[in-house]
Amino acid sequence: MRTTVYIDGFNLYYGSLKQSKAKWLDLFIYFSKMLPSDCKLEKVKYFTARVRPLPNDRDAPNRQDVYFRALKAMYGEKIEIIEGRFSIKTKKAPLEENPKKIVRVIQAEEKGSDVNLAVEMVHDGWSDKFDCAVVVTNDSDIERALSILKKHLKKKVFLFTPGAPQRTPLAVMNRWSHKQFDMLIEDLLNNQLPNPIPNTEIYKPENW
């Protein structure tokens, strides 16, 4: 089966990678190994946004850029990075331990990736670019897109759940998938990019 992987990058990062040593993940190798043998992985589409410096992490944009360059250097057009927007704003909020005290907090949000993923996936399905869609998220916002693929376009849908087994797949997501896979940390750790990337000077960030 011609197979394309659609990844909600922030869902994967905050679900599985942020607190781990698996951030240098080789996406193509990982899914090649985890998918059934009748799946022919042709493309990985990674939906994310360029992060901006935060007061507690000024170097985050540089680390992200290194990772993007590493993926492209390894796989070229087999991996496509589709960017949304990253928004930083401040708002007033009460302290949990003292709700009467109001403080200003920084709120960082990623915008657009779930919509981009859903639209791209349905467009590719209508265009018959795959037989099987692999979806990496636990966000129910894309439920309708999954239902269109499975019910109307008769495509295979595999769901990969970041943060498993601590995070379980939402029932509405499982309903529209043919099979669900847990993204276990040991599998992520066992499928890392080489360091450095061959024939380049691209190295894994030191604190990864």
Foldseek 3Di string as FASTA:
>chain_A
DEEEEEEAQVQQCVQANVPDPLPLFQVVVLCCVPDDPVYDQQAYEYEEAQEAADPVGHCVNVLVVLSVVLNCVVPPRRYHYHYFYKDKDKDWAADPVGRVDIDIDIDIDGPDRLVVRLVVLLVCLVVVVGQEYEYEHQDCPSLVSLCCNCPPSVGAYEYEYGNPPVDDHDPSNVVSHPYYHYPDNVSSNVGGADAPRPPDPRGNPPVD
